[in-house]
Amino acid sequence: MAESSLPSTLLDEASTVRLLPPAETQQSHALTALSDGFRDACATFDAAAASLLRHADQRAQAVETAKLAVLGRRRLLAAASTASSHAAVLGSDALATEARRLQALLVQKQADVARLSTYAASLQRTAQTQREFLEMMRS
């Protein structure tokens, strides 16, 4: 019985030897086990949240791609419908002028797509850098 009342030695995080009464030693071990469990639960949650975010990003990209495809088809149909109705009304000179105007508009829209693609890539790089920074701060 005299043996259980003797202080226990403990090596803490700073590699310092500590003498603790047996009750505090048991409490320290219990708290260490509890904090290890909590840390494991946090890591599991973090992994699940990252997986959910990855899945949501993939779904959002798929929806955006489908939306752009539908918009493109709708514009193509509208342009074909407009061109056929204009052809009946306009003469050949006016039709050539309209074709040049539409061609210039197409070139402008292609330049807009290139500019916006570059901007989107820049935003994605920035987001990735921020995710890496947050990950580094969590570690």
Protein backbone atom coordinates (compact mmCIF):
# COMPACT_ATOMS: atom_id res chain seq x y z
CA MET A 1 0.00 0.00 0.00
CA ALA A 2 2.91 2.32 0.67
CA GLU A 3 4.01 1.69 -2.87
CA SER A 4 0.78 3.14 -4.44
CA SER A 5 1.13 6.41 -2.52
CA LEU A 6 4.58 7.07 -3.99
CA PRO A 7 4.71 9.70 -6.75
CA SER A 8 5.01 8.48 -10.33
CA THR A 9 7.53 9.79 -12.79
CA LEU A 10 6.25 11.26 -16.02
CA LEU A 11 8.11 12.62 -19.04
CA ASP A 12 6.17 15.59 -20.49
CA GLU A 13 6.22 17.21 -23.97
CA ALA A 14 9.25 19.32 -23.10
CA SER A 15 11.17 16.18 -22.06
CA THR A 16 11.04 17.28 -18.45
CA VAL A 17 10.75 14.62 -15.76
CA ARG A 18 7.80 15.30 -13.47
CA LEU A 19 6.81 13.62 -10.23
CA LEU A 20 3.06 13.25 -9.91
CA PRO A 21 0.89 11.67 -7.26
CA PRO A 22 -0.76 8.40 -8.43
CA ALA A 23 -4.22 9.97 -8.78
CA GLU A 24 -2.90 12.74 -11.03
CA THR A 25 -0.89 10.20 -13.03
CA GLN A 26 -4.04 8.18 -13.72
CA GLN A 27 -5.94 11.34 -14.59
CA SER A 28 -3.12 12.42 -16.90
CA HIS A 29 -3.18 9.05 -18.71
CA ALA A 30 -6.97 9.20 -19.01
CA LEU A 31 -6.83 12.72 -20.45
CA THR A 32 -4.08 11.69 -22.87
CA ALA A 33 -6.21 8.79 -24.12
CA LEU A 34 -9.25 11.06 -24.41
CA SER A 35 -7.31 13.70 -26.35
CA ASP A 36 -5.87 11.01 -28.66
CA GLY A 37 -9.42 9.82 -29.37
CA PHE A 38 -10.56 13.37 -30.03
CA ARG A 39 -7.61 13.99 -32.34
CA ASP A 40 -8.46 10.80 -34.28
CA ALA A 41 -12.11 11.87 -34.53
CA CYS A 42 -11.02 15.30 -35.83
CA ALA A 43 -8.79 13.68 -38.46
CA THR A 44 -11.66 11.43 -39.56
CA PHE A 45 -14.00 14.41 -39.76
CA ASP A 46 -11.43 16.43 -41.71
CA ALA A 47 -11.02 13.60 -44.21
CA ALA A 48 -14.80 13.24 -44.60
CA ALA A 49 -15.23 16.99 -45.07
CA ALA A 50 -12.45 17.10 -47.67
CA SER A 51 -14.05 14.20 -49.52
CA LEU A 52 -17.44 15.91 -49.44
CA LEU A 53 -15.97 19.17 -50.75
CA ARG A 54 -14.13 17.31 -53.52
CA HIS A 55 -17.35 15.55 -54.53
CA ALA A 56 -19.33 18.82 -54.44
CA ASP A 57 -16.69 20.54 -56.62
CA GLN A 58 -16.83 17.70 -59.14
CA ARG A 59 -20.63 17.85 -59.27
CA ALA A 60 -20.57 21.65 -59.63
CA GLN A 61 -18.11 21.40 -62.52
CA ALA A 62 -20.27 18.75 -64.22
CA VAL A 63 -23.38 20.91 -63.83
CA GLU A 64 -21.55 23.98 -65.14
CA THR A 65 -20.29 22.04 -68.18
CA ALA A 66 -23.78 20.75 -68.94
CA LYS A 67 -25.23 24.24 -68.52
CA LEU A 68 -22.70 25.74 -70.92
CA ALA A 69 -23.41 23.00 -73.47
CA VAL A 70 -27.15 23.70 -73.31
CA LEU A 71 -26.59 27.44 -73.63
CA GLY A 72 -24.36 26.85 -76.64
CA ARG A 73 -27.00 24.67 -78.32
CA ARG A 74 -29.72 27.22 -77.57
CA ARG A 75 -27.65 30.05 -79.08
CA LEU A 76 -26.82 27.94 -82.10
CA LEU A 77 -30.52 27.22 -82.68
CA ALA A 78 -31.41 30.88 -82.15
CA ALA A 79 -28.68 31.97 -84.57
CA ALA A 80 -29.81 29.43 -87.19
CA SER A 81 -33.42 30.54 -86.79
CA THR A 82 -32.47 34.23 -86.95
CA ALA A 83 -30.20 33.70 -89.96
CA SER A 84 -32.89 31.87 -91.93
CA SER A 85 -35.50 34.53 -91.15
CA HIS A 86 -33.03 37.33 -91.97
CA ALA A 87 -32.04 35.68 -95.23
CA ALA A 88 -35.60 35.91 -96.48
CA VAL A 89 -35.88 39.59 -95.51
CA LEU A 90 -32.37 40.87 -96.29
CA GLY A 91 -30.74 41.14 -99.66
CA SER A 92 -27.38 39.53 -100.47
CA ASP A 93 -25.39 42.68 -99.52
CA ALA A 94 -27.16 43.01 -96.21
CA LEU A 95 -26.68 39.28 -95.63
CA ALA A 96 -22.92 39.60 -96.23
CA THR A 97 -22.79 42.57 -93.83
CA GLU A 98 -24.70 40.58 -91.22
CA ALA A 99 -22.32 37.63 -91.71
CA ARG A 100 -19.31 39.92 -91.15
CA ARG A 101 -20.94 41.40 -88.06
CA LEU A 102 -21.63 37.94 -86.69
CA GLN A 103 -18.07 36.82 -87.50
CA ALA A 104 -16.68 39.85 -85.62
CA LEU A 105 -18.97 39.05 -82.71
CA LEU A 106 -17.73 35.46 -82.75
CA VAL A 107 -14.10 36.60 -82.63
CA GLN A 108 -14.93 38.93 -79.74
CA LYS A 109 -16.68 36.15 -77.83
CA GLN A 110 -13.75 33.79 -78.41
CA ALA A 111 -11.41 36.44 -76.99
CA ASP A 112 -13.75 36.76 -73.99
CA VAL A 113 -13.65 32.98 -73.49
CA ALA A 114 -9.84 32.98 -73.59
CA ARG A 115 -9.68 35.87 -71.11
CA LEU A 116 -12.18 34.26 -68.75
CA SER A 117 -10.42 30.89 -68.99
CA THR A 118 -7.16 32.53 -67.96
CA TYR A 119 -8.94 34.29 -65.10
CA ALA A 120 -10.58 31.01 -63.97
CA ALA A 121 -7.22 29.22 -64.04
CA SER A 122 -5.73 32.03 -61.96
CA LEU A 123 -8.55 31.76 -59.44
CA GLN A 124 -8.10 27.98 -59.24
CA ARG A 125 -4.37 28.42 -58.57
CA THR A 126 -5.13 30.98 -55.87
CA ALA A 127 -7.71 28.68 -54.27
CA GLN A 128 -5.23 25.78 -54.33
CA THR A 129 -2.56 27.98 -52.73
CA GLN A 130 -5.01 28.99 -50.02
CA ARG A 131 -6.02 25.34 -49.42
CA GLU A 132 -2.33 24.40 -49.09
CA PHE A 133 -1.74 27.28 -46.69
CA LEU A 134 -4.71 26.21 -44.56
CA GLU A 135 -3.50 22.63 -44.59
CA MET A 136 -0.03 23.81 -43.52
CA MET A 137 -1.58 25.86 -40.71
CA ARG A 138 -3.61 22.86 -39.50
CA SER A 139 -0.51 20.68 -39.29
